[in-house]
Amino acid sequence: MSYSIGIYVKVEGCDKYAEIAYPSHSSPSYNLGKLFRSCMNWNFNSSEYYRCDHVLEHLDRGIKELTHNPYGYAGLIPGNNWMETPGALNALLSIRDCILKQAEDIPLDCMYMYWG
């Protein structure tokens, strides 16, 4: 199983969201969930929309943590497989890059990330 990550905008006049983009690494494994939550210091819920201006703060923290201390999070991956840490970092980098690309045209506080 894997997550499904996308970037959305809220449709005016209703409680619906429209997907506008998805990161190149949009389907990281559920096995990385504990690692993501720990390195980003964010207990996100699956199947929720989060404003991208808030998401970036968590992404930046996670990217910094996985860049400077990749082996420190290996114990959070089933089987203690530290080789999956670079994949987790690539997923966070691609989410951040996708958000920033969309932010060239849409304000951050108008975009949402779905972590499903």
PDB file of N, CA and C in Angstrom:
ATOM      1  N   MET A   1       0.844  -1.173   0.000  1.00  0.00           N
ATOM      2  CA  MET A   1       0.000   0.000   0.000  1.00  0.00           C
ATOM      3  C   MET A   1       0.889   1.236   0.000  1.00  0.00           C
ATOM      4  N   SER A   2       0.337   2.299  -0.533  1.00  0.00           N
ATOM      5  CA  SER A   2       1.092   3.550  -0.567  1.00  0.00           C
ATOM      6  C   SER A   2       0.159   4.731  -0.398  1.00  0.00           C
ATOM      7  N   TYR A   3       0.772   5.847  -0.037  1.00  0.00           N
ATOM      8  CA  TYR A   3       0.018   7.093   0.069  1.00  0.00           C
ATOM      9  C   TYR A   3      -0.294   7.608  -1.334  1.00  0.00           C
ATOM     10  N   SER A   4      -1.254   8.482  -1.415  1.00  0.00           N
ATOM     11  CA  SER A   4      -1.576   9.183  -2.646  1.00  0.00           C
ATOM     12  C   SER A   4      -1.552  10.668  -2.316  1.00  0.00           C
ATOM     13  N   ILE A   5      -0.563  11.372  -2.829  1.00  0.00           N
ATOM     14  CA  ILE A   5      -0.354  12.773  -2.484  1.00  0.00           C
ATOM     15  C   ILE A   5      -0.638  13.646  -3.694  1.00  0.00           C
ATOM     16  N   GLY A   6      -1.401  14.710  -3.474  1.00  0.00           N
ATOM     17  CA  GLY A   6      -1.708  15.645  -4.547  1.00  0.00           C
ATOM     18  C   GLY A   6      -1.836  17.057  -4.012  1.00  0.00           C
ATOM     19  N   ILE A   7      -1.790  18.003  -4.926  1.00  0.00           N
ATOM     20  CA  ILE A   7      -1.955  19.419  -4.596  1.00  0.00           C
ATOM     21  C   ILE A   7      -3.308  19.855  -5.149  1.00  0.00           C
ATOM     22  N   TYR A   8      -4.078  20.554  -4.326  1.00  0.00           N
ATOM     23  CA  TYR A   8      -5.462  20.879  -4.644  1.00  0.00           C
ATOM     24  C   TYR A   8      -5.766  22.353  -4.370  1.00  0.00           C
ATOM     25  N   VAL A   9      -6.857  22.807  -4.955  1.00  0.00           N
ATOM     26  CA  VAL A   9      -7.457  24.089  -4.596  1.00  0.00           C
ATOM     27  C   VAL A   9      -8.895  23.804  -4.209  1.00  0.00           C
ATOM     28  N   LYS A  10      -9.419  24.624  -3.313  1.00  0.00           N
ATOM     29  CA  LYS A  10     -10.801  24.451  -2.872  1.00  0.00           C
ATOM     30  C   LYS A  10     -11.724  25.100  -3.899  1.00  0.00           C
ATOM     31  N   VAL A  11     -12.770  24.396  -4.252  1.00  0.00           N
ATOM     32  CA  VAL A  11     -13.742  24.903  -5.219  1.00  0.00           C
ATOM     33  C   VAL A  11     -14.653  25.894  -4.505  1.00  0.00           C
ATOM     34  N   GLU A  12     -14.756  27.074  -5.063  1.00  0.00           N
ATOM     35  CA  GLU A  12     -15.565  28.121  -4.443  1.00  0.00           C
ATOM     36  C   GLU A  12     -17.041  27.725  -4.409  1.00  0.00           C
ATOM     37  N   GLY A  13     -17.658  27.960  -3.276  1.00  0.00           N
ATOM     38  CA  GLY A  13     -19.087  27.721  -3.138  1.00  0.00           C
ATOM     39  C   GLY A  13     -19.465  26.322  -2.690  1.00  0.00           C
ATOM     40  N   CYS A  14     -18.482  25.461  -2.491  1.00  0.00           N
ATOM     41  CA  CYS A  14     -18.811  24.117  -2.004  1.00  0.00           C
ATOM     42  C   CYS A  14     -17.632  23.565  -1.215  1.00  0.00           C
ATOM     43  N   ASP A  15     -17.834  22.403  -0.665  1.00  0.00           N
ATOM     44  CA  ASP A  15     -16.807  21.797   0.177  1.00  0.00           C
ATOM     45  C   ASP A  15     -16.027  20.736  -0.598  1.00  0.00           C
ATOM     46  N   LYS A  16     -15.643  21.061  -1.824  1.00  0.00           N
ATOM     47  CA  LYS A  16     -14.919  20.128  -2.695  1.00  0.00           C
ATOM     48  C   LYS A  16     -13.557  20.718  -3.038  1.00  0.00           C
ATOM     49  N   TYR A  17     -12.630  19.838  -3.403  1.00  0.00           N
ATOM     50  CA  TYR A  17     -11.283  20.236  -3.779  1.00  0.00           C
ATOM     51  C   TYR A  17     -10.994  19.683  -5.173  1.00  0.00           C
ATOM     52  N   ALA A  18     -10.263  20.456  -5.968  1.00  0.00           N
ATOM     53  CA  ALA A  18      -9.890  20.029  -7.315  1.00  0.00           C
ATOM     54  C   ALA A  18      -8.378  19.861  -7.377  1.00  0.00           C
ATOM     55  N   GLU A  19      -7.943  18.714  -7.845  1.00  0.00           N
ATOM     56  CA  GLU A  19      -6.503  18.468  -7.950  1.00  0.00           C
ATOM     57  C   GLU A  19      -5.924  19.293  -9.089  1.00  0.00           C
ATOM     58  N   ILE A  20      -4.801  19.949  -8.807  1.00  0.00           N
ATOM     59  CA  ILE A  20      -4.144  20.758  -9.830  1.00  0.00           C
ATOM     60  C   ILE A  20      -2.765  20.219 -10.191  1.00  0.00           C
ATOM     61  N   ALA A  21      -2.187  19.391  -9.326  1.00  0.00           N
ATOM     62  CA  ALA A  21      -0.862  18.829  -9.602  1.00  0.00           C
ATOM     63  C   ALA A  21      -0.595  17.681  -8.641  1.00  0.00           C
ATOM     64  N   TYR A  22       0.416  16.904  -8.967  1.00  0.00           N
ATOM     65  CA  TYR A  22       0.875  15.881  -8.039  1.00  0.00           C
ATOM     66  C   TYR A  22       2.391  15.777  -8.175  1.00  0.00           C
ATOM     67  N   PRO A  23       3.075  15.510  -7.065  1.00  0.00           N
ATOM     68  CA  PRO A  23       4.537  15.437  -7.093  1.00  0.00           C
ATOM     69  C   PRO A  23       5.030  14.235  -7.875  1.00  0.00           C
ATOM     70  N   SER A  24       6.269  14.300  -8.320  1.00  0.00           N
ATOM     71  CA  SER A  24       6.829  13.177  -9.084  1.00  0.00           C
ATOM     72  C   SER A  24       6.912  11.906  -8.243  1.00  0.00           C
ATOM     73  N   HIS A  25       7.071  12.049  -6.938  1.00  0.00           N
ATOM     74  CA  HIS A  25       7.041  10.908  -6.016  1.00  0.00           C
ATOM     75  C   HIS A  25       5.766  11.031  -5.187  1.00  0.00           C
ATOM     76  N   SER A  26       4.641  10.755  -5.820  1.00  0.00           N
ATOM     77  CA  SER A  26       3.339  10.998  -5.186  1.00  0.00           C
ATOM     78  C   SER A  26       2.783   9.796  -4.433  1.00  0.00           C
ATOM     79  N   SER A  27       3.493   8.673  -4.474  1.00  0.00           N
ATOM     80  CA  SER A  27       2.966   7.456  -3.848  1.00  0.00           C
ATOM     81  C   SER A  27       3.993   6.758  -2.976  1.00  0.00           C
ATOM     82  N   PRO A  28       4.524   7.444  -1.958  1.00  0.00           N
ATOM     83  CA  PRO A  28       5.473   6.749  -1.076  1.00  0.00           C
ATOM     84  C   PRO A  28       4.771   5.648  -0.275  1.00  0.00           C
ATOM     85  N   SER A  29       5.523   4.656   0.093  1.00  0.00           N
ATOM     86  CA  SER A  29       4.986   3.509   0.826  1.00  0.00           C
ATOM     87  C   SER A  29       4.470   3.894   2.207  1.00  0.00           C
ATOM     88  N   TYR A  30       3.392   3.225   2.618  1.00  0.00           N
ATOM     89  CA  TYR A  30       2.887   3.397   3.982  1.00  0.00           C
ATOM     90  C   TYR A  30       3.952   3.028   5.010  1.00  0.00           C
ATOM     91  N   ASN A  31       4.889   2.161   4.622  1.00  0.00           N
ATOM     92  CA  ASN A  31       5.956   1.765   5.540  1.00  0.00           C
ATOM     93  C   ASN A  31       6.774   2.964   6.017  1.00  0.00           C
ATOM     94  N   LEU A  32       6.724   4.068   5.273  1.00  0.00           N
ATOM     95  CA  LEU A  32       7.497   5.254   5.633  1.00  0.00           C
ATOM     96  C   LEU A  32       6.709   6.221   6.515  1.00  0.00           C
ATOM     97  N   GLY A  33       5.480   5.891   6.855  1.00  0.00           N
ATOM     98  CA  GLY A  33       4.622   6.791   7.621  1.00  0.00           C
ATOM     99  C   GLY A  33       5.217   7.223   8.956  1.00  0.00           C
ATOM    100  N   LYS A  34       5.755   6.284   9.721  1.00  0.00           N
ATOM    101  CA  LYS A  34       6.351   6.637  11.014  1.00  0.00           C
ATOM    102  C   LYS A  34       7.554   7.548  10.820  1.00  0.00           C
ATOM    103  N   LEU A  35       8.359   7.240   9.812  1.00  0.00           N
ATOM    104  CA  LEU A  35       9.526   8.064   9.524  1.00  0.00           C
ATOM    105  C   LEU A  35       9.098   9.482   9.160  1.00  0.00           C
ATOM    106  N   PHE A  36       8.113   9.623   8.266  1.00  0.00           N
ATOM    107  CA  PHE A  36       7.627  10.951   7.867  1.00  0.00           C
ATOM    108  C   PHE A  36       7.121  11.727   9.079  1.00  0.00           C
ATOM    109  N   ARG A  37       6.293  11.093   9.880  1.00  0.00           N
ATOM    110  CA  ARG A  37       5.719  11.782  11.046  1.00  0.00           C
ATOM    111  C   ARG A  37       6.813  12.230  12.020  1.00  0.00           C
ATOM    112  N   SER A  38       7.821  11.407  12.191  1.00  0.00           N
ATOM    113  CA  SER A  38       8.886  11.732  13.130  1.00  0.00           C
ATOM    114  C   SER A  38       9.801  12.840  12.594  1.00  0.00           C
ATOM    115  N   CYS A  39      10.303  12.695  11.390  1.00  0.00           N
ATOM    116  CA  CYS A  39      11.269  13.673  10.885  1.00  0.00           C
ATOM    117  C   CYS A  39      10.623  15.037  10.637  1.00  0.00           C
ATOM    118  N   MET A  40       9.337  15.067  10.342  1.00  0.00           N
ATOM    119  CA  MET A  40       8.652  16.345  10.117  1.00  0.00           C
ATOM    120  C   MET A  40       8.023  16.898  11.386  1.00  0.00           C
ATOM    121  N   ASN A  41       8.023  16.085  12.457  1.00  0.00           N
ATOM    122  CA  ASN A  41       7.359  16.481  13.704  1.00  0.00           C
ATOM    123  C   ASN A  41       5.909  16.881  13.418  1.00  0.00           C
ATOM    124  N   TRP A  42       5.224  15.986  12.706  1.00  0.00           N
ATOM    125  CA  TRP A  42       3.874  16.272  12.245  1.00  0.00           C
ATOM    126  C   TRP A  42       3.064  14.983  12.259  1.00  0.00           C
ATOM    127  N   ASN A  43       2.052  14.927  13.070  1.00  0.00           N
ATOM    128  CA  ASN A  43       1.188  13.757  13.143  1.00  0.00           C
ATOM    129  C   ASN A  43       0.005  13.943  12.192  1.00  0.00           C
ATOM    130  N   PHE A  44       0.325  13.990  10.895  1.00  0.00           N
ATOM    131  CA  PHE A  44      -0.717  14.185   9.883  1.00  0.00           C
ATOM    132  C   PHE A  44      -1.669  13.000   9.856  1.00  0.00           C
ATOM    133  N   ASN A  45      -2.894  13.269   9.430  1.00  0.00           N
ATOM    134  CA  ASN A  45      -3.897  12.233   9.254  1.00  0.00           C
ATOM    135  C   ASN A  45      -4.053  11.935   7.774  1.00  0.00           C
ATOM    136  N   SER A  46      -4.158  10.687   7.460  1.00  0.00           N
ATOM    137  CA  SER A  46      -4.420  10.319   6.072  1.00  0.00           C
ATOM    138  C   SER A  46      -5.821  10.780   5.695  1.00  0.00           C
ATOM    139  N   SER A  47      -6.007  11.066   4.439  1.00  0.00           N
ATOM    140  CA  SER A  47      -7.303  11.457   3.879  1.00  0.00           C
ATOM    141  C   SER A  47      -7.770  12.825   4.367  1.00  0.00           C
ATOM    142  N   GLU A  48      -6.826  13.717   4.649  1.00  0.00           N
ATOM    143  CA  GLU A  48      -7.169  15.095   5.009  1.00  0.00           C
ATOM    144  C   GLU A  48      -6.441  16.057   4.086  1.00  0.00           C
ATOM    145  N   TYR A  49      -7.012  17.237   3.965  1.00  0.00           N
ATOM    146  CA  TYR A  49      -6.401  18.316   3.192  1.00  0.00           C
ATOM    147  C   TYR A  49      -5.720  19.277   4.155  1.00  0.00           C
ATOM    148  N   TYR A  50      -4.493  19.665   3.821  1.00  0.00           N
ATOM    149  CA  TYR A  50      -3.722  20.582   4.654  1.00  0.00           C
ATOM    150  C   TYR A  50      -3.279  21.771   3.811  1.00  0.00           C
ATOM    151  N   ARG A  51      -3.416  22.973   4.361  1.00  0.00           N
ATOM    152  CA  ARG A  51      -2.981  24.165   3.629  1.00  0.00           C
ATOM    153  C   ARG A  51      -1.486  24.105   3.371  1.00  0.00           C
ATOM    154  N   CYS A  52      -1.105  24.417   2.149  1.00  0.00           N
ATOM    155  CA  CYS A  52       0.290  24.273   1.738  1.00  0.00           C
ATOM    156  C   CYS A  52       1.237  25.217   2.469  1.00  0.00           C
ATOM    157  N   ASP A  53       0.762  26.381   2.900  1.00  0.00           N
ATOM    158  CA  ASP A  53       1.670  27.254   3.646  1.00  0.00           C
ATOM    159  C   ASP A  53       2.089  26.605   4.962  1.00  0.00           C
ATOM    160  N   HIS A  54       1.230  25.791   5.555  1.00  0.00           N
ATOM    161  CA  HIS A  54       1.582  25.066   6.773  1.00  0.00           C
ATOM    162  C   HIS A  54       2.388  23.801   6.458  1.00  0.00           C
ATOM    163  N   VAL A  55       2.063  23.168   5.364  1.00  0.00           N
ATOM    164  CA  VAL A  55       2.753  21.942   4.976  1.00  0.00           C
ATOM    165  C   VAL A  55       4.237  22.212   4.729  1.00  0.00           C
ATOM    166  N   LEU A  56       4.550  23.331   4.108  1.00  0.00           N
ATOM    167  CA  LEU A  56       5.947  23.634   3.786  1.00  0.00           C
ATOM    168  C   LEU A  56       6.833  23.674   5.027  1.00  0.00           C
ATOM    169  N   GLU A  57       6.308  24.175   6.117  1.00  0.00           N
ATOM    170  CA  GLU A  57       7.091  24.211   7.361  1.00  0.00           C
ATOM    171  C   GLU A  57       7.500  22.800   7.773  1.00  0.00           C
ATOM    172  N   HIS A  58       6.565  21.869   7.693  1.00  0.00           N
ATOM    173  CA  HIS A  58       6.852  20.482   8.069  1.00  0.00           C
ATOM    174  C   HIS A  58       7.786  19.817   7.065  1.00  0.00           C
ATOM    175  N   LEU A  59       7.562  20.079   5.786  1.00  0.00           N
ATOM    176  CA  LEU A  59       8.421  19.504   4.755  1.00  0.00           C
ATOM    177  C   LEU A  59       9.862  19.971   4.931  1.00  0.00           C
ATOM    178  N   ASP A  60      10.049  21.264   5.161  1.00  0.00           N
ATOM    179  CA  ASP A  60      11.399  21.799   5.330  1.00  0.00           C
ATOM    180  C   ASP A  60      12.104  21.154   6.516  1.00  0.00           C
ATOM    181  N   ARG A  61      11.370  20.954   7.598  1.00  0.00           N
ATOM    182  CA  ARG A  61      11.961  20.308   8.775  1.00  0.00           C
ATOM    183  C   ARG A  61      12.347  18.873   8.448  1.00  0.00           C
ATOM    184  N   GLY A  62      11.454  18.140   7.792  1.00  0.00           N
ATOM    185  CA  GLY A  62      11.739  16.750   7.437  1.00  0.00           C
ATOM    186  C   GLY A  62      12.908  16.625   6.477  1.00  0.00           C
ATOM    187  N   ILE A  63      12.983  17.508   5.501  1.00  0.00           N
ATOM    188  CA  ILE A  63      14.092  17.486   4.545  1.00  0.00           C
ATOM    189  C   ILE A  63      15.413  17.747   5.268  1.00  0.00           C
ATOM    190  N   LYS A  64      15.409  18.709   6.167  1.00  0.00           N
ATOM    191  CA  LYS A  64      16.618  19.019   6.934  1.00  0.00           C
ATOM    192  C   LYS A  64      17.033  17.816   7.775  1.00  0.00           C
ATOM    193  N   GLU A  65      16.077  17.201   8.457  1.00  0.00           N
ATOM    194  CA  GLU A  65      16.372  16.048   9.307  1.00  0.00           C
ATOM    195  C   GLU A  65      16.929  14.878   8.495  1.00  0.00           C
ATOM    196  N   LEU A  66      16.283  14.550   7.375  1.00  0.00           N
ATOM    197  CA  LEU A  66      16.725  13.405   6.582  1.00  0.00           C
ATOM    198  C   LEU A  66      18.032  13.682   5.840  1.00  0.00           C
ATOM    199  N   THR A  67      18.323  14.954   5.598  1.00  0.00           N
ATOM    200  CA  THR A  67      19.579  15.304   4.947  1.00  0.00           C
ATOM    201  C   THR A  67      20.746  15.191   5.922  1.00  0.00           C
ATOM    202  N   HIS A  68      20.549  15.680   7.146  1.00  0.00           N
ATOM    203  CA  HIS A  68      21.648  15.733   8.115  1.00  0.00           C
ATOM    204  C   HIS A  68      21.733  14.517   9.032  1.00  0.00           C
ATOM    205  N   ASN A  69      20.670  13.733   9.131  1.00  0.00           N
ATOM    206  CA  ASN A  69      20.667  12.596  10.044  1.00  0.00           C
ATOM    207  C   ASN A  69      19.879  11.417   9.456  1.00  0.00           C
ATOM    208  N   PRO A  70      20.228  10.963   8.256  1.00  0.00           N
ATOM    209  CA  PRO A  70      19.421   9.910   7.623  1.00  0.00           C
ATOM    210  C   PRO A  70      19.398   8.603   8.403  1.00  0.00           C
ATOM    211  N   TYR A  71      20.499   8.239   9.034  1.00  0.00           N
ATOM    212  CA  TYR A  71      20.557   6.963   9.749  1.00  0.00           C
ATOM    213  C   TYR A  71      19.780   7.013  11.058  1.00  0.00           C
ATOM    214  N   GLY A  72      19.534   8.202  11.558  1.00  0.00           N
ATOM    215  CA  GLY A  72      18.793   8.339  12.804  1.00  0.00           C
ATOM    216  C   GLY A  72      17.335   7.931  12.694  1.00  0.00           C
ATOM    217  N   TYR A  73      16.843   7.798  11.480  1.00  0.00           N
ATOM    218  CA  TYR A  73      15.435   7.445  11.271  1.00  0.00           C
ATOM    219  C   TYR A  73      15.257   6.028  10.728  1.00  0.00           C
ATOM    220  N   ALA A  74      16.350   5.323  10.522  1.00  0.00           N
ATOM    221  CA  ALA A  74      16.272   3.976   9.948  1.00  0.00           C
ATOM    222  C   ALA A  74      15.455   3.026  10.813  1.00  0.00           C
ATOM    223  N   GLY A  75      15.486   3.214  12.132  1.00  0.00           N
ATOM    224  CA  GLY A  75      14.734   2.347  13.025  1.00  0.00           C
ATOM    225  C   GLY A  75      13.230   2.495  12.887  1.00  0.00           C
ATOM    226  N   LEU A  76      12.778   3.531  12.187  1.00  0.00           N
ATOM    227  CA  LEU A  76      11.338   3.750  12.000  1.00  0.00           C
ATOM    228  C   LEU A  76      10.813   3.089  10.731  1.00  0.00           C
ATOM    229  N   ILE A  77      11.700   2.442  10.014  1.00  0.00           N
ATOM    230  CA  ILE A  77      11.323   1.731   8.793  1.00  0.00           C
ATOM    231  C   ILE A  77      11.288   0.240   9.118  1.00  0.00           C
ATOM    232  N   PRO A  78      10.199  -0.455   8.765  1.00  0.00           N
ATOM    233  CA  PRO A  78      10.146  -1.893   9.048  1.00  0.00           C
ATOM    234  C   PRO A  78      11.384  -2.599   8.513  1.00  0.00           C
ATOM    235  N   GLY A  79      11.971  -3.439   9.339  1.00  0.00           N
ATOM    236  CA  GLY A  79      13.180  -4.153   8.957  1.00  0.00           C
ATOM    237  C   GLY A  79      14.431  -3.321   9.149  1.00  0.00           C
ATOM    238  N   ASN A  80      14.287  -2.113   9.715  1.00  0.00           N
ATOM    239  CA  ASN A  80      15.418  -1.232   9.987  1.00  0.00           C
ATOM    240  C   ASN A  80      16.255  -0.997   8.725  1.00  0.00           C
ATOM    241  N   ASN A  81      15.588  -0.832   7.603  1.00  0.00           N
ATOM    242  CA  ASN A  81      16.247  -0.712   6.305  1.00  0.00           C
ATOM    243  C   ASN A  81      16.594   0.743   6.010  1.00  0.00           C
ATOM    244  N   TRP A  82      17.787   1.175   6.396  1.00  0.00           N
ATOM    245  CA  TRP A  82      18.194   2.568   6.193  1.00  0.00           C
ATOM    246  C   TRP A  82      18.287   2.920   4.721  1.00  0.00           C
ATOM    247  N   MET A  83      18.306   1.930   3.834  1.00  0.00           N
ATOM    248  CA  MET A  83      18.375   2.200   2.387  1.00  0.00           C
ATOM    249  C   MET A  83      17.106   2.872   1.877  1.00  0.00           C
ATOM    250  N   GLU A  84      16.001   2.790   2.622  1.00  0.00           N
ATOM    251  CA  GLU A  84      14.763   3.446   2.197  1.00  0.00           C
ATOM    252  C   GLU A  84      14.743   4.928   2.557  1.00  0.00           C
ATOM    253  N   THR A  85      15.672   5.365   3.390  1.00  0.00           N
ATOM    254  CA  THR A  85      15.703   6.764   3.798  1.00  0.00           C
ATOM    255  C   THR A  85      15.883   7.711   2.621  1.00  0.00           C
ATOM    256  N   PRO A  86      16.774   7.432   1.651  1.00  0.00           N
ATOM    257  CA  PRO A  86      16.867   8.338   0.493  1.00  0.00           C
ATOM    258  C   PRO A  86      15.555   8.434  -0.293  1.00  0.00           C
ATOM    259  N   GLY A  87      14.796   7.360  -0.360  1.00  0.00           N
ATOM    260  CA  GLY A  87      13.500   7.403  -1.031  1.00  0.00           C
ATOM    261  C   GLY A  87      12.521   8.312  -0.311  1.00  0.00           C
ATOM    262  N   ALA A  88      12.565   8.287   1.005  1.00  0.00           N
ATOM    263  CA  ALA A  88      11.708   9.166   1.801  1.00  0.00           C
ATOM    264  C   ALA A  88      12.100  10.616   1.580  1.00  0.00           C
ATOM    265  N   LEU A  89      13.394  10.894   1.554  1.00  0.00           N
ATOM    266  CA  LEU A  89      13.867  12.253   1.298  1.00  0.00           C
ATOM    267  C   LEU A  89      13.438  12.713  -0.086  1.00  0.00           C
ATOM    268  N   ASN A  90      13.557  11.852  -1.085  1.00  0.00           N
ATOM    269  CA  ASN A  90      13.130  12.218  -2.445  1.00  0.00           C
ATOM    270  C   ASN A  90      11.635  12.518  -2.496  1.00  0.00           C
ATOM    271  N   ALA A  91      10.847  11.785  -1.730  1.00  0.00           N
ATOM    272  CA  ALA A  91       9.409  12.036  -1.699  1.00  0.00           C
ATOM    273  C   ALA A  91       9.125  13.424  -1.127  1.00  0.00           C
ATOM    274  N   LEU A  92       9.777  13.762  -0.006  1.00  0.00           N
ATOM    275  CA  LEU A  92       9.562  15.084   0.599  1.00  0.00           C
ATOM    276  C   LEU A  92      10.040  16.201  -0.322  1.00  0.00           C
ATOM    277  N   LEU A  93      11.180  15.999  -0.964  1.00  0.00           N
ATOM    278  CA  LEU A  93      11.685  17.013  -1.897  1.00  0.00           C
ATOM    279  C   LEU A  93      10.728  17.213  -3.068  1.00  0.00           C
ATOM    280  N   SER A  94      10.172  16.128  -3.574  1.00  0.00           N
ATOM    281  CA  SER A  94       9.275  16.264  -4.734  1.00  0.00           C
ATOM    282  C   SER A  94       7.958  16.935  -4.343  1.00  0.00           C
ATOM    283  N   ILE A  95       7.481  16.691  -3.121  1.00  0.00           N
ATOM    284  CA  ILE A  95       6.258  17.366  -2.658  1.00  0.00           C
ATOM    285  C   ILE A  95       6.527  18.862  -2.548  1.00  0.00           C
ATOM    286  N   ARG A  96       7.654  19.214  -1.916  1.00  0.00           N
ATOM    287  CA  ARG A  96       7.991  20.632  -1.771  1.00  0.00           C
ATOM    288  C   ARG A  96       8.161  21.307  -3.129  1.00  0.00           C
ATOM    289  N   ASP A  97       8.862  20.660  -4.053  1.00  0.00           N
ATOM    290  CA  ASP A  97       9.065  21.229  -5.383  1.00  0.00           C
ATOM    291  C   ASP A  97       7.743  21.438  -6.109  1.00  0.00           C
ATOM    292  N   CYS A  98       6.836  20.490  -5.974  1.00  0.00           N
ATOM    293  CA  CYS A  98       5.529  20.588  -6.620  1.00  0.00           C
ATOM    294  C   CYS A  98       4.736  21.765  -6.056  1.00  0.00           C
ATOM    295  N   ILE A  99       4.747  21.910  -4.738  1.00  0.00           N
ATOM    296  CA  ILE A  99       4.034  23.023  -4.106  1.00  0.00           C
ATOM    297  C   ILE A  99       4.616  24.356  -4.566  1.00  0.00           C
ATOM    298  N   LEU A 100       5.941  24.467  -4.552  1.00  0.00           N
ATOM    299  CA  LEU A 100       6.582  25.726  -4.937  1.00  0.00           C
ATOM    300  C   LEU A 100       6.347  26.063  -6.407  1.00  0.00           C
ATOM    301  N   LYS A 101       6.297  25.055  -7.257  1.00  0.00           N
ATOM    302  CA  LYS A 101       6.007  25.299  -8.685  1.00  0.00           C
ATOM    303  C   LYS A 101       4.599  25.861  -8.845  1.00  0.00           C
ATOM    304  N   GLN A 102       3.637  25.282  -8.152  1.00  0.00           N
ATOM    305  CA  GLN A 102       2.256  25.768  -8.237  1.00  0.00           C
ATOM    306  C   GLN A 102       2.127  27.160  -7.611  1.00  0.00           C
ATOM    307  N   ALA A 103       2.955  27.436  -6.616  1.00  0.00           N
ATOM    308  CA  ALA A 103       2.905  28.732  -5.923  1.00  0.00           C
ATOM    309  C   ALA A 103       3.369  29.883  -6.813  1.00  0.00           C
ATOM    310  N   GLU A 104       3.934  29.568  -7.961  1.00  0.00           N
ATOM    311  CA  GLU A 104       4.290  30.614  -8.918  1.00  0.00           C
ATOM    312  C   GLU A 104       3.032  31.295  -9.459  1.00  0.00           C
ATOM    313  N   ASP A 105       1.915  30.570  -9.470  1.00  0.00           N
ATOM    314  CA  ASP A 105       0.654  31.093 -10.010  1.00  0.00           C
ATOM    315  C   ASP A 105      -0.471  31.197  -8.987  1.00  0.00           C
ATOM    316  N   ILE A 106      -0.365  30.448  -7.905  1.00  0.00           N
ATOM    317  CA  ILE A 106      -1.448  30.380  -6.920  1.00  0.00           C
ATOM    318  C   ILE A 106      -0.860  30.643  -5.532  1.00  0.00           C
ATOM    319  N   PRO A 107      -1.457  31.527  -4.735  1.00  0.00           N
ATOM    320  CA  PRO A 107      -0.931  31.773  -3.388  1.00  0.00           C
ATOM    321  C   PRO A 107      -0.935  30.500  -2.539  1.00  0.00           C
ATOM    322  N   LEU A 108       0.095  30.358  -1.724  1.00  0.00           N
ATOM    323  CA  LEU A 108       0.223  29.167  -0.873  1.00  0.00           C
ATOM    324  C   LEU A 108      -0.986  28.943   0.019  1.00  0.00           C
ATOM    325  N   ASP A 109      -1.556  30.032   0.542  1.00  0.00           N
ATOM    326  CA  ASP A 109      -2.687  29.855   1.470  1.00  0.00           C
ATOM    327  C   ASP A 109      -3.984  29.495   0.748  1.00  0.00           C
ATOM    328  N   CYS A 110      -3.932  29.376  -0.572  1.00  0.00           N
ATOM    329  CA  CYS A 110      -5.089  28.939  -1.361  1.00  0.00           C
ATOM    330  C   CYS A 110      -4.951  27.504  -1.860  1.00  0.00           C
ATOM    331  N   MET A 111      -3.801  26.892  -1.593  1.00  0.00           N
ATOM    332  CA  MET A 111      -3.547  25.533  -2.048  1.00  0.00           C
ATOM    333  C   MET A 111      -3.552  24.580  -0.860  1.00  0.00           C
ATOM    334  N   TYR A 112      -3.902  23.353  -1.147  1.00  0.00           N
ATOM    335  CA  TYR A 112      -3.971  22.315  -0.131  1.00  0.00           C
ATOM    336  C   TYR A 112      -3.236  21.077  -0.626  1.00  0.00           C
ATOM    337  N   MET A 113      -2.622  20.376   0.305  1.00  0.00           N
ATOM    338  CA  MET A 113      -2.023  19.104  -0.002  1.00  0.00           C
ATOM    339  C   MET A 113      -2.898  18.015   0.598  1.00  0.00           C
ATOM    340  N   TYR A 114      -3.169  17.028  -0.187  1.00  0.00           N
ATOM    341  CA  TYR A 114      -3.937  15.875   0.282  1.00  0.00           C
ATOM    342  C   TYR A 114      -2.958  14.746   0.517  1.00  0.00           C
ATOM    343  N   TRP A 115      -2.934  14.249   1.723  1.00  0.00           N
ATOM    344  CA  TRP A 115      -2.051  13.151   2.085  1.00  0.00           C
ATOM    345  C   TRP A 115      -2.947  11.967   2.351  1.00  0.00           C
ATOM    346  N   GLY A 116      -3.307  11.257   1.301  1.00  0.00           N
ATOM    347  CA  GLY A 116      -4.276  10.174   1.428  1.00  0.00           C
ATOM    348  C   GLY A 116      -3.706   8.811   1.368  1.00  0.00           C
TER     349      GLY A 116
END
